[in-house]
């Protein structure tokens, strides 16, 4: 899952990004409201975490602008503990939830999971492609009784393929969705990790295949 996180406190941002990355989320971190708005417009995110008090543009203005432009991405607001008015205003403007600061990382993770479950298009915690399953809670790839836990980069790439099974994704699309908008990953990186995933799929005995279409991209299919 890909998240946009807007927080101007660099130390807090770094800590949260480390925790989210450890839990297999792909995170774009920005440090002011104007950048948050630009990123949210330019890319497709599964969820957005917005601090209300930010330079250049506050979180409520970012939220209001995105909702006015028809962006339906779930948004979690981070608010000062005592600012009830901000919490009410945020919910009225279209926020999906709010979390008062300071907060525990465990509670933040729980709120993010709950927010993502409420997406307009519900995504189950276990993704399936024929006999192949990917558990988004345990990061396990399985077929029948055979299973393997995927490392972070492999998991992200497999998740992208699962969420877009049957669709042909170019190398650039895979890099953007699995490694991030600002990633320095190259085509060779994608080829290497696709090779790893093909071996993982074979190791659990699945019929699913990652097929390559010349000059177009790659597709995850059920197989025969």
Protein backbone atom coordinates (compact mmCIF):
# COMPACT_ATOMS: atom_id res chain seq x y z
CA UNK A 1 0.00 0.00 0.00
CA UNK A 2 1.26 3.47 -0.89
CA UNK A 3 0.87 6.38 1.54
CA UNK A 4 1.52 10.13 1.40
CA UNK A 5 2.66 11.52 4.76
CA UNK A 6 2.76 15.30 5.33
CA UNK A 7 4.45 16.42 8.55
CA UNK A 8 6.75 19.40 9.08
CA UNK A 9 8.48 18.02 12.20
CA UNK A 10 11.41 16.23 10.55
CA UNK A 11 12.32 14.02 13.52
CA UNK A 12 8.73 12.80 13.89
CA UNK A 13 8.42 12.33 10.14
CA UNK A 14 11.59 10.23 10.00
CA UNK A 15 10.41 8.06 12.89
CA UNK A 16 6.97 7.46 11.41
CA UNK A 17 8.36 6.74 7.95
CA UNK A 18 10.75 4.17 9.46
CA UNK A 19 7.87 2.41 11.24
CA UNK A 20 5.59 2.46 8.19
CA UNK A 21 8.38 1.21 5.93
CA UNK A 22 9.11 -1.62 8.38
CA UNK A 23 5.44 -2.63 8.07
CA UNK A 24 5.80 -2.80 4.26
CA UNK A 25 4.08 0.48 3.40
CA UNK A 26 5.57 2.58 0.62
CA UNK A 27 5.71 6.17 1.90
CA UNK A 28 6.27 9.52 0.21
CA UNK A 29 7.13 12.07 2.93
CA UNK A 30 6.63 15.81 2.43
CA UNK A 31 7.14 18.64 4.90
CA UNK A 32 4.63 21.35 4.00
CA UNK A 33 1.06 21.63 2.77
CA UNK A 34 1.85 22.92 -0.70
CA UNK A 35 4.00 19.89 -1.47
CA UNK A 36 1.34 17.62 0.03
CA UNK A 37 -1.23 19.04 -2.38
CA UNK A 38 1.12 18.71 -5.38
CA UNK A 39 2.01 15.09 -4.56
CA UNK A 40 -1.62 14.12 -3.92
CA UNK A 41 -2.60 15.56 -7.30
CA UNK A 42 0.31 14.01 -9.19
CA UNK A 43 0.23 10.43 -7.91
CA UNK A 44 -2.19 7.73 -6.85
CA UNK A 45 -2.13 6.89 -3.13
CA UNK A 46 -4.03 4.36 -1.06
CA UNK A 47 -4.13 6.77 1.87
CA UNK A 48 -2.96 10.24 2.96
CA UNK A 49 -1.82 11.31 6.44
CA UNK A 50 -1.98 15.06 6.94
CA UNK A 51 -0.76 17.14 9.86
CA UNK A 52 -3.02 20.17 10.27
CA UNK A 53 -0.36 22.70 11.29
CA UNK A 54 2.08 22.96 8.38
CA UNK A 55 3.94 25.79 6.61
CA UNK A 56 2.88 27.19 3.22
CA UNK A 57 -0.58 25.58 3.45
CA UNK A 58 -2.34 24.03 6.44
CA UNK A 59 -3.75 20.51 6.38
CA UNK A 60 -7.37 21.60 6.43
CA UNK A 61 -6.85 23.68 3.28
CA UNK A 62 -5.14 20.73 1.58
CA UNK A 63 -8.05 18.49 2.60
CA UNK A 64 -10.68 20.98 1.42
CA UNK A 65 -8.93 21.48 -1.94
CA UNK A 66 -8.54 17.76 -2.62
CA UNK A 67 -12.17 16.98 -1.80
CA UNK A 68 -13.36 19.92 -3.93
CA UNK A 69 -11.36 18.48 -6.84
CA UNK A 70 -12.99 15.09 -6.45
CA UNK A 71 -10.06 13.25 -4.83
CA UNK A 72 -11.59 10.44 -2.75
CA UNK A 73 -8.38 9.01 -1.29
CA UNK A 74 -8.86 8.23 2.44
CA UNK A 75 -7.31 10.95 4.62
CA UNK A 76 -6.21 10.73 8.26
CA UNK A 77 -5.65 14.07 10.00
CA UNK A 78 -3.09 14.59 12.75
CA UNK A 79 -4.35 17.20 15.19
CA UNK A 80 -3.19 18.90 18.37
CA UNK A 81 -4.76 17.05 21.31
CA UNK A 82 -6.75 20.02 22.57
CA UNK A 83 -7.98 21.36 19.22
CA UNK A 84 -11.49 19.90 19.10
CA UNK A 85 -12.54 22.56 16.60
CA UNK A 86 -9.92 21.37 14.12
CA UNK A 87 -11.06 17.77 14.56
CA UNK A 88 -14.68 18.72 13.87
CA UNK A 89 -13.73 20.93 10.92
CA UNK A 90 -11.62 18.16 9.42
CA UNK A 91 -14.39 15.59 9.63
CA UNK A 92 -16.87 18.09 8.15
CA UNK A 93 -14.47 18.77 5.26
CA UNK A 94 -14.24 15.10 4.38
CA UNK A 95 -11.49 13.56 6.51
CA UNK A 96 -11.96 9.86 7.19
CA UNK A 97 -10.47 9.97 10.68
CA UNK A 98 -8.26 12.02 12.99
CA UNK A 99 -5.55 11.19 15.48
CA UNK A 100 -4.55 13.60 18.27
CA UNK A 101 -0.85 14.25 18.87
CA UNK A 102 1.14 12.89 20.61
CA UNK A 103 0.18 9.39 19.53
CA UNK A 104 1.57 5.88 19.88
CA UNK A 105 2.91 4.17 16.78
CA UNK A 106 0.66 1.17 17.49
CA UNK A 107 -2.42 3.40 17.44
CA UNK A 108 -1.27 5.13 14.25
CA UNK A 109 -0.85 1.77 12.53
CA UNK A 110 -4.31 0.66 13.70
CA UNK A 111 -5.91 3.88 12.43
CA UNK A 112 -4.17 3.50 9.07
CA UNK A 113 -5.40 -0.10 8.73
CA UNK A 114 -8.93 1.01 9.58
CA UNK A 115 -8.74 3.92 7.14
CA UNK A 116 -7.58 1.69 4.30
CA UNK A 117 -10.39 -0.79 4.98
CA UNK A 118 -12.88 2.00 4.37
CA UNK A 119 -11.64 2.78 0.86
CA UNK A 120 -14.36 3.30 -1.75
CA UNK A 121 -13.27 0.05 -3.40
CA UNK A 122 -12.80 -2.49 -0.64
CA UNK A 123 -9.55 -4.44 -0.83
CA UNK A 124 -9.49 -7.73 1.12
CA UNK A 125 -6.53 -8.46 3.38
CA UNK A 126 -5.73 -11.59 1.33
CA UNK A 127 -5.27 -10.95 -2.39
CA UNK A 128 -5.83 -13.85 -4.78
CA UNK A 129 -4.86 -14.70 -8.34
CA UNK A 130 -6.16 -18.17 -9.13
CA UNK A 131 -4.53 -20.53 -6.63
CA UNK A 132 -1.96 -17.90 -5.52
CA UNK A 133 -2.60 -15.87 -2.35
CA UNK A 134 -0.85 -12.83 -0.88
CA UNK A 135 -1.63 -12.03 2.76
CA UNK A 136 -1.25 -8.29 3.36
CA UNK A 137 -1.07 -8.79 7.13
CA UNK A 138 1.68 -11.41 7.26
CA UNK A 139 3.33 -10.66 3.87
CA UNK A 140 3.10 -14.36 2.99
CA UNK A 141 2.77 -15.69 -0.55
CA UNK A 142 1.02 -19.05 -0.54
CA UNK A 143 -0.62 -21.79 -2.57
CA UNK A 144 -2.40 -24.53 -0.67
CA UNK A 145 -0.24 -25.51 2.31
CA UNK A 146 2.97 -24.03 0.92
CA UNK A 147 3.88 -20.48 1.90
CA UNK A 148 6.83 -18.12 1.96
CA UNK A 149 7.29 -14.72 3.61
CA UNK A 150 8.36 -12.10 1.11
CA UNK A 151 11.08 -9.51 1.81
CA UNK A 152 9.98 -5.87 1.58
CA UNK A 153 10.80 -5.07 -2.05
CA UNK A 154 9.43 -8.39 -3.32
CA UNK A 155 6.25 -7.92 -1.31
CA UNK A 156 5.62 -4.43 -2.69
CA UNK A 157 6.10 -5.57 -6.26
CA UNK A 158 3.90 -8.64 -5.73
CA UNK A 159 1.21 -6.47 -4.17
CA UNK A 160 1.19 -4.15 -7.18
CA UNK A 161 0.89 -7.10 -9.55
CA UNK A 162 -1.89 -8.66 -7.45
CA UNK A 163 -3.88 -5.44 -7.28
CA UNK A 164 -3.58 -5.04 -11.06
CA UNK A 165 -3.75 -8.70 -12.15
CA UNK A 166 -4.65 -9.12 -15.79
CA UNK A 167 -3.42 -5.61 -16.59
CA UNK A 168 -0.16 -4.97 -18.44
CA UNK A 169 2.09 -2.69 -16.37
CA UNK A 170 5.14 -1.06 -17.90
CA UNK A 171 8.53 -1.06 -16.18
CA UNK A 172 8.07 2.64 -15.32
CA UNK A 173 4.66 1.95 -13.77
CA UNK A 174 6.07 -0.86 -11.66
CA UNK A 175 8.93 1.35 -10.46
CA UNK A 176 6.58 4.19 -9.54
CA UNK A 177 4.07 1.99 -7.72
CA UNK A 178 6.46 -0.42 -5.99
CA UNK A 179 9.51 1.79 -5.33
CA UNK A 180 8.01 5.28 -5.30
CA UNK A 181 7.74 8.42 -7.35
CA UNK A 182 11.23 9.68 -6.41
CA UNK A 183 12.95 6.30 -6.62
CA UNK A 184 16.25 5.85 -8.41
CA UNK A 185 15.38 2.22 -9.26
CA UNK A 186 16.01 1.26 -12.89
CA UNK A 187 14.65 -1.30 -15.33
CA UNK A 188 17.32 -3.82 -14.28
CA UNK A 189 16.01 -3.64 -10.72
CA UNK A 190 12.52 -4.58 -11.87
CA UNK A 191 13.82 -7.46 -13.97
CA UNK A 192 15.78 -8.86 -11.02
CA UNK A 193 12.82 -8.73 -8.63
CA UNK A 194 10.42 -10.17 -11.18
CA UNK A 195 12.85 -13.09 -11.49
CA UNK A 196 12.79 -13.51 -7.71
CA UNK A 197 8.98 -13.50 -7.69
CA UNK A 198 8.73 -16.06 -10.47
CA UNK A 199 10.93 -18.37 -8.38
CA UNK A 200 8.75 -17.72 -5.30
CA UNK A 201 5.60 -18.56 -7.26
CA UNK A 202 7.13 -21.81 -8.48
CA UNK A 203 8.39 -22.66 -4.98
CA UNK A 204 4.84 -22.66 -3.54
CA UNK A 205 3.53 -24.72 -6.48
CA UNK A 206 1.18 -22.12 -7.97
CA UNK A 207 0.05 -22.10 -11.60
CA UNK A 208 0.11 -18.27 -11.66
CA UNK A 209 2.57 -16.67 -14.06
CA UNK A 210 4.14 -13.27 -14.57
CA UNK A 211 4.17 -12.91 -18.33
CA UNK A 212 6.16 -10.37 -20.34
CA UNK A 213 4.70 -8.59 -23.36
CA UNK A 214 7.43 -7.24 -25.60
CA UNK A 215 7.70 -3.43 -25.50
CA UNK A 216 4.59 -3.24 -23.30
CA UNK A 217 5.21 -4.61 -19.82
CA UNK A 218 4.32 -7.38 -17.41
CA UNK A 219 1.09 -9.10 -16.40
CA UNK A 220 0.19 -11.39 -13.51
CA UNK A 221 -2.16 -14.13 -14.73
CA UNK A 222 -3.79 -17.22 -13.18
CA UNK A 223 -2.09 -19.65 -15.54
CA UNK A 224 -3.46 -22.94 -16.80
